């Protein structure tokens, strides 16, 4: 039987880097993306076209997009906060616009400083721009499972925003566990509900490992029919509104698990580990990747010497 194909989508140079305080040089970003382009990804989220004043780390969005070597088998996406950002991204031929708002009113106010209704209206304009320009759009719904300010998010509340954006003609929707509050049973219930109602939508799951359930939740999503996952090299990144957060699920750990279970990820795990190791030097500290520390399961060791 042909192994089930899974699609891995890297977010480290946007979601991971945006939380870093020390600027990563443009040339280093380009070099990392070029290396990752040979690892087998379906998508790489390159950068964000937000205000350079808001996120200085990603002020070089145009230069990075124009400097990378594009692998024809990969979509190079970017986070688009508003219509101005969409116009900037369109000028440098971003393959997909990734738009973000929160399913939680409290989190949206804290993170974006506006109501969900205002966010949805602003994103509506961006989606219309993308549709007219022939650019694919994806909406990432933050805190889809729970909010550290307001608590659990009901399936009814989540589906309200799923319905809103599905009816605007987006190609994809990403269900995000932004602060690591989901559990596998909840993940399955959400995945079944959204796919049953909108089977034509390209669904992605975005997990954080804040409470150690990231990989368990990813496995639950696969068992519920999901084939696309966001992840971050080395597990870099995290939400500033989740104290103690350990960040996104780690790409190499996700791939390692799926590969061992017989799924087809199309990924070069050895290259991922090399890039993750080098990323530690680039940012100047250890990454939370357990796999990077322990090695793959086929890494054998000499027996300890008897005293």
C-alpha atoms as a PDB file:
ATOM      1  CA  UNK A   1       0.000   0.000   0.000  1.00  0.00           C
ATOM      2  CA  UNK A   2       1.294   3.478  -0.901  1.00  0.00           C
ATOM      3  CA  UNK A   3       2.257   5.471   2.215  1.00  0.00           C
ATOM      4  CA  UNK A   4       0.014   8.415   3.043  1.00  0.00           C
ATOM      5  CA  UNK A   5       1.576  11.665   1.800  1.00  0.00           C
ATOM      6  CA  UNK A   6       1.988  14.442   4.339  1.00  0.00           C
ATOM      7  CA  UNK A   7       3.002  18.033   3.568  1.00  0.00           C
ATOM      8  CA  UNK A   8       5.343  19.933   5.886  1.00  0.00           C
ATOM      9  CA  UNK A   9       5.328  23.742   5.905  1.00  0.00           C
ATOM     10  CA  UNK A  10       8.244  25.607   7.504  1.00  0.00           C
ATOM     11  CA  UNK A  11       7.675  28.803   9.524  1.00  0.00           C
ATOM     12  CA  UNK A  12      11.049  29.384  11.210  1.00  0.00           C
ATOM     13  CA  UNK A  13      12.161  32.440   9.228  1.00  0.00           C
ATOM     14  CA  UNK A  14       8.889  34.235   9.999  1.00  0.00           C
ATOM     15  CA  UNK A  15       7.256  32.821  13.115  1.00  0.00           C
ATOM     16  CA  UNK A  16      10.576  31.802  14.628  1.00  0.00           C
ATOM     17  CA  UNK A  17      12.687  34.837  13.791  1.00  0.00           C
ATOM     18  CA  UNK A  18      10.072  37.473  14.621  1.00  0.00           C
ATOM     19  CA  UNK A  19      10.440  36.775  18.340  1.00  0.00           C
ATOM     20  CA  UNK A  20      14.241  37.156  18.281  1.00  0.00           C
ATOM     21  CA  UNK A  21      15.713  40.383  19.622  1.00  0.00           C
ATOM     22  CA  UNK A  22      19.014  40.317  17.724  1.00  0.00           C
ATOM     23  CA  UNK A  23      18.676  40.983  13.980  1.00  0.00           C
ATOM     24  CA  UNK A  24      19.539  38.053  11.713  1.00  0.00           C
ATOM     25  CA  UNK A  25      21.381  39.454   8.672  1.00  0.00           C
ATOM     26  CA  UNK A  26      19.500  39.348   5.386  1.00  0.00           C
ATOM     27  CA  UNK A  27      22.176  37.230   3.716  1.00  0.00           C
ATOM     28  CA  UNK A  28      21.923  34.641   6.522  1.00  0.00           C
ATOM     29  CA  UNK A  29      18.145  34.447   6.138  1.00  0.00           C
ATOM     30  CA  UNK A  30      18.498  33.920   2.399  1.00  0.00           C
ATOM     31  CA  UNK A  31      21.162  31.248   2.879  1.00  0.00           C
ATOM     32  CA  UNK A  32      19.007  29.340   5.390  1.00  0.00           C
ATOM     33  CA  UNK A  33      15.934  29.454   3.147  1.00  0.00           C
ATOM     34  CA  UNK A  34      17.998  28.256   0.176  1.00  0.00           C
ATOM     35  CA  UNK A  35      19.233  25.290   2.222  1.00  0.00           C
ATOM     36  CA  UNK A  36      15.733  24.492   3.458  1.00  0.00           C
ATOM     37  CA  UNK A  37      14.473  24.616  -0.130  1.00  0.00           C
ATOM     38  CA  UNK A  38      16.399  21.372  -0.717  1.00  0.00           C
ATOM     39  CA  UNK A  39      14.803  19.576   2.239  1.00  0.00           C
ATOM     40  CA  UNK A  40      11.466  18.622   0.651  1.00  0.00           C
ATOM     41  CA  UNK A  41       8.995  21.159   2.044  1.00  0.00           C
ATOM     42  CA  UNK A  42       5.612  21.892   0.503  1.00  0.00           C
ATOM     43  CA  UNK A  43       5.720  25.531   1.672  1.00  0.00           C
ATOM     44  CA  UNK A  44       8.180  27.873   3.359  1.00  0.00           C
ATOM     45  CA  UNK A  45       6.794  30.954   5.111  1.00  0.00           C
ATOM     46  CA  UNK A  46       9.643  33.293   4.243  1.00  0.00           C
ATOM     47  CA  UNK A  47       8.808  36.518   6.061  1.00  0.00           C
ATOM     48  CA  UNK A  48       6.115  39.027   7.006  1.00  0.00           C
ATOM     49  CA  UNK A  49       5.135  42.234   5.225  1.00  0.00           C
ATOM     50  CA  UNK A  50       4.194  44.005   8.414  1.00  0.00           C
ATOM     51  CA  UNK A  51       5.473  47.436   9.375  1.00  0.00           C
ATOM     52  CA  UNK A  52       9.283  47.443   9.798  1.00  0.00           C
ATOM     53  CA  UNK A  53       8.739  49.501  12.947  1.00  0.00           C
ATOM     54  CA  UNK A  54       6.495  46.809  14.409  1.00  0.00           C
ATOM     55  CA  UNK A  55       8.848  43.904  13.651  1.00  0.00           C
ATOM     56  CA  UNK A  56      12.372  45.206  12.835  1.00  0.00           C
ATOM     57  CA  UNK A  57      13.620  41.631  12.408  1.00  0.00           C
ATOM     58  CA  UNK A  58      11.541  41.303   9.217  1.00  0.00           C
ATOM     59  CA  UNK A  59      12.127  44.797   7.825  1.00  0.00           C
ATOM     60  CA  UNK A  60      14.055  43.191   4.947  1.00  0.00           C
ATOM     61  CA  UNK A  61      11.037  41.296   3.581  1.00  0.00           C
ATOM     62  CA  UNK A  62      11.437  42.508  -0.012  1.00  0.00           C
ATOM     63  CA  UNK A  63      15.177  41.856  -0.077  1.00  0.00           C
ATOM     64  CA  UNK A  64      14.761  38.319   1.243  1.00  0.00           C
ATOM     65  CA  UNK A  65      11.953  37.435  -1.181  1.00  0.00           C
ATOM     66  CA  UNK A  66      13.969  38.782  -4.102  1.00  0.00           C
ATOM     67  CA  UNK A  67      17.211  37.135  -2.957  1.00  0.00           C
ATOM     68  CA  UNK A  68      16.125  33.520  -2.448  1.00  0.00           C
ATOM     69  CA  UNK A  69      16.438  30.789  -5.062  1.00  0.00           C
ATOM     70  CA  UNK A  70      12.976  29.365  -5.630  1.00  0.00           C
ATOM     71  CA  UNK A  71      12.562  25.637  -5.916  1.00  0.00           C
ATOM     72  CA  UNK A  72       9.686  24.966  -8.366  1.00  0.00           C
ATOM     73  CA  UNK A  73       8.238  22.329  -6.042  1.00  0.00           C
ATOM     74  CA  UNK A  74       7.775  24.754  -3.133  1.00  0.00           C
ATOM     75  CA  UNK A  75       5.360  27.603  -2.437  1.00  0.00           C
ATOM     76  CA  UNK A  76       7.043  30.614  -0.843  1.00  0.00           C
ATOM     77  CA  UNK A  77       4.496  32.302   1.395  1.00  0.00           C
ATOM     78  CA  UNK A  78       4.454  35.355   3.658  1.00  0.00           C
ATOM     79  CA  UNK A  79       2.346  36.754   6.446  1.00  0.00           C
ATOM     80  CA  UNK A  80       0.246  39.679   5.214  1.00  0.00           C
ATOM     81  CA  UNK A  81      -1.203  41.963   7.931  1.00  0.00           C
ATOM     82  CA  UNK A  82      -3.134  44.443   5.782  1.00  0.00           C
ATOM     83  CA  UNK A  83      -3.738  45.796   2.277  1.00  0.00           C
ATOM     84  CA  UNK A  84      -0.489  47.786   2.230  1.00  0.00           C
ATOM     85  CA  UNK A  85       1.419  44.637   3.093  1.00  0.00           C
ATOM     86  CA  UNK A  86      -0.449  42.755   0.362  1.00  0.00           C
ATOM     87  CA  UNK A  87       0.606  45.329  -2.222  1.00  0.00           C
ATOM     88  CA  UNK A  88       4.252  45.066  -1.111  1.00  0.00           C
ATOM     89  CA  UNK A  89       4.118  41.259  -1.230  1.00  0.00           C
ATOM     90  CA  UNK A  90       2.424  41.197  -4.610  1.00  0.00           C
ATOM     91  CA  UNK A  91       5.216  43.328  -6.053  1.00  0.00           C
ATOM     92  CA  UNK A  92       7.816  40.662  -5.180  1.00  0.00           C
ATOM     93  CA  UNK A  93       5.657  37.713  -6.291  1.00  0.00           C
ATOM     94  CA  UNK A  94       4.808  35.973  -3.030  1.00  0.00           C
ATOM     95  CA  UNK A  95       3.115  32.668  -3.900  1.00  0.00           C
ATOM     96  CA  UNK A  96       0.541  32.705  -1.107  1.00  0.00           C
ATOM     97  CA  UNK A  97      -0.752  35.328   1.323  1.00  0.00           C
ATOM     98  CA  UNK A  98      -1.072  34.046   4.882  1.00  0.00           C
ATOM     99  CA  UNK A  99      -3.467  36.224   6.888  1.00  0.00           C
ATOM    100  CA  UNK A 100      -3.837  36.041  10.661  1.00  0.00           C
ATOM    101  CA  UNK A 101      -6.530  36.818  13.196  1.00  0.00           C
ATOM    102  CA  UNK A 102      -7.572  35.228  16.457  1.00  0.00           C
ATOM    103  CA  UNK A 103     -10.642  33.155  17.186  1.00  0.00           C
ATOM    104  CA  UNK A 104     -10.527  34.749  20.645  1.00  0.00           C
ATOM    105  CA  UNK A 105     -11.667  38.354  21.065  1.00  0.00           C
ATOM    106  CA  UNK A 106      -9.354  38.900  24.045  1.00  0.00           C
ATOM    107  CA  UNK A 107      -6.312  37.510  22.245  1.00  0.00           C
ATOM    108  CA  UNK A 108      -7.064  39.475  19.072  1.00  0.00           C
ATOM    109  CA  UNK A 109      -7.255  42.683  21.104  1.00  0.00           C
ATOM    110  CA  UNK A 110      -3.982  41.884  22.880  1.00  0.00           C
ATOM    111  CA  UNK A 111      -2.113  40.707  19.794  1.00  0.00           C
ATOM    112  CA  UNK A 112      -3.518  42.912  17.011  1.00  0.00           C
ATOM    113  CA  UNK A 113      -5.081  45.733  19.058  1.00  0.00           C
ATOM    114  CA  UNK A 114      -8.418  45.523  17.294  1.00  0.00           C
ATOM    115  CA  UNK A 115     -11.667  43.605  17.495  1.00  0.00           C
ATOM    116  CA  UNK A 116     -12.220  40.404  15.570  1.00  0.00           C
ATOM    117  CA  UNK A 117     -14.836  42.181  13.445  1.00  0.00           C
ATOM    118  CA  UNK A 118     -12.353  44.886  12.489  1.00  0.00           C
ATOM    119  CA  UNK A 119      -9.686  42.285  11.735  1.00  0.00           C
ATOM    120  CA  UNK A 120     -12.088  40.291   9.584  1.00  0.00           C
ATOM    121  CA  UNK A 121     -13.060  43.401   7.605  1.00  0.00           C
ATOM    122  CA  UNK A 122      -9.410  44.291   7.000  1.00  0.00           C
ATOM    123  CA  UNK A 123      -8.592  40.743   5.897  1.00  0.00           C
ATOM    124  CA  UNK A 124     -11.642  40.738   3.616  1.00  0.00           C
ATOM    125  CA  UNK A 125      -9.999  43.574   1.653  1.00  0.00           C
ATOM    126  CA  UNK A 126      -6.724  41.637   1.430  1.00  0.00           C
ATOM    127  CA  UNK A 127      -8.505  38.500   0.215  1.00  0.00           C
ATOM    128  CA  UNK A 128     -10.313  40.529  -2.456  1.00  0.00           C
ATOM    129  CA  UNK A 129      -6.948  41.954  -3.577  1.00  0.00           C
ATOM    130  CA  UNK A 130      -5.440  38.454  -3.693  1.00  0.00           C
ATOM    131  CA  UNK A 131      -8.377  37.012  -5.639  1.00  0.00           C
ATOM    132  CA  UNK A 132      -8.165  39.813  -8.197  1.00  0.00           C
ATOM    133  CA  UNK A 133      -4.388  39.356  -8.533  1.00  0.00           C
ATOM    134  CA  UNK A 134      -4.637  35.583  -8.848  1.00  0.00           C
ATOM    135  CA  UNK A 135      -2.687  34.983  -5.627  1.00  0.00           C
ATOM    136  CA  UNK A 136      -3.692  32.160  -3.288  1.00  0.00           C
ATOM    137  CA  UNK A 137      -4.808  33.174   0.203  1.00  0.00           C
ATOM    138  CA  UNK A 138      -4.767  31.293   3.501  1.00  0.00           C
ATOM    139  CA  UNK A 139      -6.199  32.462   6.806  1.00  0.00           C
ATOM    140  CA  UNK A 140      -4.582  31.317  10.052  1.00  0.00           C
ATOM    141  CA  UNK A 141      -7.006  31.381  12.971  1.00  0.00           C
ATOM    142  CA  UNK A 142      -4.973  31.845  16.140  1.00  0.00           C
ATOM    143  CA  UNK A 143      -6.062  30.377  19.493  1.00  0.00           C
ATOM    144  CA  UNK A 144      -8.509  28.057  17.735  1.00  0.00           C
ATOM    145  CA  UNK A 145      -8.541  25.639  20.652  1.00  0.00           C
ATOM    146  CA  UNK A 146      -8.005  27.884  23.646  1.00  0.00           C
ATOM    147  CA  UNK A 147      -6.919  31.337  24.755  1.00  0.00           C
ATOM    148  CA  UNK A 148      -4.695  32.029  27.799  1.00  0.00           C
ATOM    149  CA  UNK A 149      -6.763  35.156  28.522  1.00  0.00           C
ATOM    150  CA  UNK A 150     -10.326  33.985  27.846  1.00  0.00           C
ATOM    151  CA  UNK A 151     -10.070  30.218  28.240  1.00  0.00           C
ATOM    152  CA  UNK A 152     -11.450  27.493  25.963  1.00  0.00           C
ATOM    153  CA  UNK A 153     -12.749  28.358  22.491  1.00  0.00           C
ATOM    154  CA  UNK A 154     -15.984  26.587  21.640  1.00  0.00           C
ATOM    155  CA  UNK A 155     -16.378  24.788  18.334  1.00  0.00           C
ATOM    156  CA  UNK A 156     -19.357  27.057  17.607  1.00  0.00           C
ATOM    157  CA  UNK A 157     -17.228  30.204  17.962  1.00  0.00           C
ATOM    158  CA  UNK A 158     -14.453  28.737  15.831  1.00  0.00           C
ATOM    159  CA  UNK A 159     -16.873  27.647  13.099  1.00  0.00           C
ATOM    160  CA  UNK A 160     -18.294  31.176  12.886  1.00  0.00           C
ATOM    161  CA  UNK A 161     -14.936  32.429  11.595  1.00  0.00           C
ATOM    162  CA  UNK A 162     -14.305  29.324   9.513  1.00  0.00           C
ATOM    163  CA  UNK A 163     -17.638  29.978   7.772  1.00  0.00           C
ATOM    164  CA  UNK A 164     -16.817  33.659   7.270  1.00  0.00           C
ATOM    165  CA  UNK A 165     -13.507  33.065   5.514  1.00  0.00           C
ATOM    166  CA  UNK A 166     -14.556  29.948   3.607  1.00  0.00           C
ATOM    167  CA  UNK A 167     -17.335  32.006   2.032  1.00  0.00           C
ATOM    168  CA  UNK A 168     -14.813  34.652   0.893  1.00  0.00           C
ATOM    169  CA  UNK A 169     -13.077  32.171  -1.370  1.00  0.00           C
ATOM    170  CA  UNK A 170      -9.814  31.530   0.472  1.00  0.00           C
ATOM    171  CA  UNK A 171      -7.863  28.513  -0.710  1.00  0.00           C
ATOM    172  CA  UNK A 172      -6.815  27.416   2.752  1.00  0.00           C
ATOM    173  CA  UNK A 173      -7.420  27.767   6.470  1.00  0.00           C
ATOM    174  CA  UNK A 174      -4.952  27.008   9.246  1.00  0.00           C
ATOM    175  CA  UNK A 175      -6.276  25.951  12.641  1.00  0.00           C
ATOM    176  CA  UNK A 176      -3.718  27.211  15.166  1.00  0.00           C
ATOM    177  CA  UNK A 177      -3.045  26.081  18.710  1.00  0.00           C
ATOM    178  CA  UNK A 178      -1.138  29.308  19.311  1.00  0.00           C
ATOM    179  CA  UNK A 179      -0.503  28.828  23.019  1.00  0.00           C
ATOM    180  CA  UNK A 180      -0.463  25.041  23.279  1.00  0.00           C
ATOM    181  CA  UNK A 181      -3.841  24.510  24.946  1.00  0.00           C
ATOM    182  CA  UNK A 182      -5.221  21.747  22.700  1.00  0.00           C
ATOM    183  CA  UNK A 183      -5.485  18.057  23.514  1.00  0.00           C
ATOM    184  CA  UNK A 184      -5.748  15.141  21.031  1.00  0.00           C
ATOM    185  CA  UNK A 185      -9.469  14.489  21.585  1.00  0.00           C
ATOM    186  CA  UNK A 186     -10.271  18.173  21.000  1.00  0.00           C
ATOM    187  CA  UNK A 187      -8.051  18.215  17.918  1.00  0.00           C
ATOM    188  CA  UNK A 188      -9.880  15.279  16.366  1.00  0.00           C
ATOM    189  CA  UNK A 189     -13.290  16.840  17.001  1.00  0.00           C
ATOM    190  CA  UNK A 190     -12.265  20.118  15.347  1.00  0.00           C
ATOM    191  CA  UNK A 191     -10.559  18.413  12.400  1.00  0.00           C
ATOM    192  CA  UNK A 192     -13.584  16.240  11.643  1.00  0.00           C
ATOM    193  CA  UNK A 193     -15.954  19.212  11.897  1.00  0.00           C
ATOM    194  CA  UNK A 194     -14.074  21.571   9.563  1.00  0.00           C
ATOM    195  CA  UNK A 195     -13.300  18.926   6.939  1.00  0.00           C
ATOM    196  CA  UNK A 196     -16.848  17.573   6.897  1.00  0.00           C
ATOM    197  CA  UNK A 197     -18.276  21.041   6.224  1.00  0.00           C
ATOM    198  CA  UNK A 198     -15.590  22.293   3.799  1.00  0.00           C
ATOM    199  CA  UNK A 199     -13.830  19.345   2.128  1.00  0.00           C
ATOM    200  CA  UNK A 200     -12.554  21.594  -0.690  1.00  0.00           C
ATOM    201  CA  UNK A 201     -10.538  23.836   1.667  1.00  0.00           C
ATOM    202  CA  UNK A 202      -6.800  23.189   2.035  1.00  0.00           C
ATOM    203  CA  UNK A 203      -6.566  22.525   5.781  1.00  0.00           C
ATOM    204  CA  UNK A 204      -3.395  23.030   7.816  1.00  0.00           C
ATOM    205  CA  UNK A 205      -2.810  22.442  11.531  1.00  0.00           C
ATOM    206  CA  UNK A 206      -0.398  24.641  13.465  1.00  0.00           C
ATOM    207  CA  UNK A 207       0.618  23.364  16.898  1.00  0.00           C
ATOM    208  CA  UNK A 208       2.755  24.675  19.723  1.00  0.00           C
ATOM    209  CA  UNK A 209       4.428  22.447  22.285  1.00  0.00           C
ATOM    210  CA  UNK A 210       3.763  24.715  25.257  1.00  0.00           C
ATOM    211  CA  UNK A 211       2.439  21.879  27.422  1.00  0.00           C
ATOM    212  CA  UNK A 212       4.233  18.974  25.761  1.00  0.00           C
ATOM    213  CA  UNK A 213       1.319  17.765  23.614  1.00  0.00           C
ATOM    214  CA  UNK A 214       2.413  19.132  20.234  1.00  0.00           C
ATOM    215  CA  UNK A 215       3.376  15.861  18.554  1.00  0.00           C
ATOM    216  CA  UNK A 216       0.457  13.980  20.124  1.00  0.00           C
ATOM    217  CA  UNK A 217      -1.880  16.604  18.702  1.00  0.00           C
ATOM    218  CA  UNK A 218      -0.242  16.347  15.271  1.00  0.00           C
ATOM    219  CA  UNK A 219      -0.739  12.580  15.287  1.00  0.00           C
ATOM    220  CA  UNK A 220      -4.386  13.037  16.275  1.00  0.00           C
ATOM    221  CA  UNK A 221      -4.831  15.431  13.356  1.00  0.00           C
ATOM    222  CA  UNK A 222      -3.351  12.909  10.904  1.00  0.00           C
ATOM    223  CA  UNK A 223      -5.679  10.241  12.230  1.00  0.00           C
ATOM    224  CA  UNK A 224      -8.554  12.669  11.584  1.00  0.00           C
ATOM    225  CA  UNK A 225      -7.512  13.151   7.949  1.00  0.00           C
ATOM    226  CA  UNK A 226      -5.250  16.237   8.034  1.00  0.00           C
ATOM    227  CA  UNK A 227      -2.204  16.101   5.735  1.00  0.00           C
ATOM    228  CA  UNK A 228      -0.646  19.600   6.131  1.00  0.00           C
ATOM    229  CA  UNK A 229       1.310  20.869   9.110  1.00  0.00           C
ATOM    230  CA  UNK A 230       3.181  24.027  10.035  1.00  0.00           C
ATOM    231  CA  UNK A 231       6.360  23.525  12.058  1.00  0.00           C
ATOM    232  CA  UNK A 232       9.498  25.418  12.988  1.00  0.00           C
ATOM    233  CA  UNK A 233      13.095  24.272  12.623  1.00  0.00           C
ATOM    234  CA  UNK A 234      14.486  23.457  16.049  1.00  0.00           C
ATOM    235  CA  UNK A 235      11.152  24.420  17.657  1.00  0.00           C
ATOM    236  CA  UNK A 236      12.044  28.122  17.461  1.00  0.00           C
ATOM    237  CA  UNK A 237       9.314  30.686  18.135  1.00  0.00           C
ATOM    238  CA  UNK A 238       6.334  31.101  20.403  1.00  0.00           C
ATOM    239  CA  UNK A 239       3.524  33.391  21.425  1.00  0.00           C
ATOM    240  CA  UNK A 240       4.370  36.303  23.762  1.00  0.00           C
ATOM    241  CA  UNK A 241       0.984  35.878  25.476  1.00  0.00           C
ATOM    242  CA  UNK A 242       1.802  32.377  26.735  1.00  0.00           C
ATOM    243  CA  UNK A 243       4.281  32.698  29.624  1.00  0.00           C
ATOM    244  CA  UNK A 244       6.816  29.875  29.610  1.00  0.00           C
ATOM    245  CA  UNK A 245       5.894  28.792  26.085  1.00  0.00           C
ATOM    246  CA  UNK A 246       8.394  26.491  24.434  1.00  0.00           C
ATOM    247  CA  UNK A 247       7.405  27.490  20.940  1.00  0.00           C
ATOM    248  CA  UNK A 248       6.218  25.804  17.773  1.00  0.00           C
ATOM    249  CA  UNK A 249       6.396  22.087  17.256  1.00  0.00           C
ATOM    250  CA  UNK A 250       9.848  21.172  16.020  1.00  0.00           C
ATOM    251  CA  UNK A 251      10.131  20.333  12.316  1.00  0.00           C
ATOM    252  CA  UNK A 252      12.765  17.636  12.654  1.00  0.00           C
ATOM    253  CA  UNK A 253      10.870  15.945  15.498  1.00  0.00           C
ATOM    254  CA  UNK A 254       7.619  16.012  13.517  1.00  0.00           C
ATOM    255  CA  UNK A 255       9.274  14.551  10.421  1.00  0.00           C
ATOM    256  CA  UNK A 256      11.160  11.945  12.465  1.00  0.00           C
ATOM    257  CA  UNK A 257       7.917  10.724  14.069  1.00  0.00           C
ATOM    258  CA  UNK A 258       5.944  10.586  10.837  1.00  0.00           C
ATOM    259  CA  UNK A 259       8.768   8.876   8.937  1.00  0.00           C
ATOM    260  CA  UNK A 260       9.125   6.203  11.622  1.00  0.00           C
ATOM    261  CA  UNK A 261       5.383   5.561  11.418  1.00  0.00           C
ATOM    262  CA  UNK A 262       5.540   4.924   7.681  1.00  0.00           C
ATOM    263  CA  UNK A 263       4.111   8.190   6.357  1.00  0.00           C
ATOM    264  CA  UNK A 264       5.640   9.860   3.305  1.00  0.00           C
ATOM    265  CA  UNK A 265       6.832  13.338   4.310  1.00  0.00           C
ATOM    266  CA  UNK A 266       9.181  13.788   1.313  1.00  0.00           C
ATOM    267  CA  UNK A 267      11.656  15.355   3.765  1.00  0.00           C
ATOM    268  CA  UNK A 268      15.448  15.048   4.069  1.00  0.00           C
ATOM    269  CA  UNK A 269      15.781  14.615   7.824  1.00  0.00           C
ATOM    270  CA  UNK A 270      19.579  14.654   7.852  1.00  0.00           C
ATOM    271  CA  UNK A 271      19.593  18.046   6.118  1.00  0.00           C
ATOM    272  CA  UNK A 272      17.033  19.342   8.612  1.00  0.00           C
ATOM    273  CA  UNK A 273      19.254  18.319  11.504  1.00  0.00           C
ATOM    274  CA  UNK A 274      22.250  20.020   9.906  1.00  0.00           C
ATOM    275  CA  UNK A 275      20.267  23.233   9.400  1.00  0.00           C
ATOM    276  CA  UNK A 276      18.874  23.082  12.937  1.00  0.00           C
ATOM    277  CA  UNK A 277      22.352  22.648  14.400  1.00  0.00           C
ATOM    278  CA  UNK A 278      23.656  25.610  12.405  1.00  0.00           C
ATOM    279  CA  UNK A 279      20.653  27.698  13.436  1.00  0.00           C
ATOM    280  CA  UNK A 280      21.840  27.460  17.040  1.00  0.00           C
ATOM    281  CA  UNK A 281      25.048  29.233  16.032  1.00  0.00           C
ATOM    282  CA  UNK A 282      23.087  31.825  14.086  1.00  0.00           C
ATOM    283  CA  UNK A 283      20.865  32.818  17.018  1.00  0.00           C
ATOM    284  CA  UNK A 284      23.495  32.226  19.675  1.00  0.00           C
ATOM    285  CA  UNK A 285      21.778  29.670  21.909  1.00  0.00           C
ATOM    286  CA  UNK A 286      20.545  26.092  22.134  1.00  0.00           C
ATOM    287  CA  UNK A 287      17.242  25.181  20.519  1.00  0.00           C
ATOM    288  CA  UNK A 288      14.596  23.076  22.299  1.00  0.00           C
ATOM    289  CA  UNK A 289      14.838  20.244  19.738  1.00  0.00           C
ATOM    290  CA  UNK A 290      15.078  16.946  21.612  1.00  0.00           C
ATOM    291  CA  UNK A 291      15.962  15.152  18.400  1.00  0.00           C
ATOM    292  CA  UNK A 292      18.899  17.468  17.801  1.00  0.00           C
ATOM    293  CA  UNK A 293      20.250  16.537  21.229  1.00  0.00           C
ATOM    294  CA  UNK A 294      19.527  12.795  21.168  1.00  0.00           C
ATOM    295  CA  UNK A 295      19.808  11.984  17.461  1.00  0.00           C
ATOM    296  CA  UNK A 296      17.594   9.749  15.353  1.00  0.00           C
ATOM    297  CA  UNK A 297      16.504   6.376  16.748  1.00  0.00           C
ATOM    298  CA  UNK A 298      18.927   4.582  14.427  1.00  0.00           C
ATOM    299  CA  UNK A 299      21.863   6.366  16.068  1.00  0.00           C
ATOM    300  CA  UNK A 300      23.615   3.619  18.017  1.00  0.00           C
ATOM    301  CA  UNK A 301      26.196   3.896  20.774  1.00  0.00           C
ATOM    302  CA  UNK A 302      28.929   1.698  22.147  1.00  0.00           C
ATOM    303  CA  UNK A 303      28.041  -0.287  25.211  1.00  0.00           C
ATOM    304  CA  UNK A 304      29.273   1.319  28.449  1.00  0.00           C
ATOM    305  CA  UNK A 305      32.562  -0.085  29.759  1.00  0.00           C
ATOM    306  CA  UNK A 306      32.283  -2.375  32.745  1.00  0.00           C
ATOM    307  CA  UNK A 307      34.133  -1.142  35.839  1.00  0.00           C
END
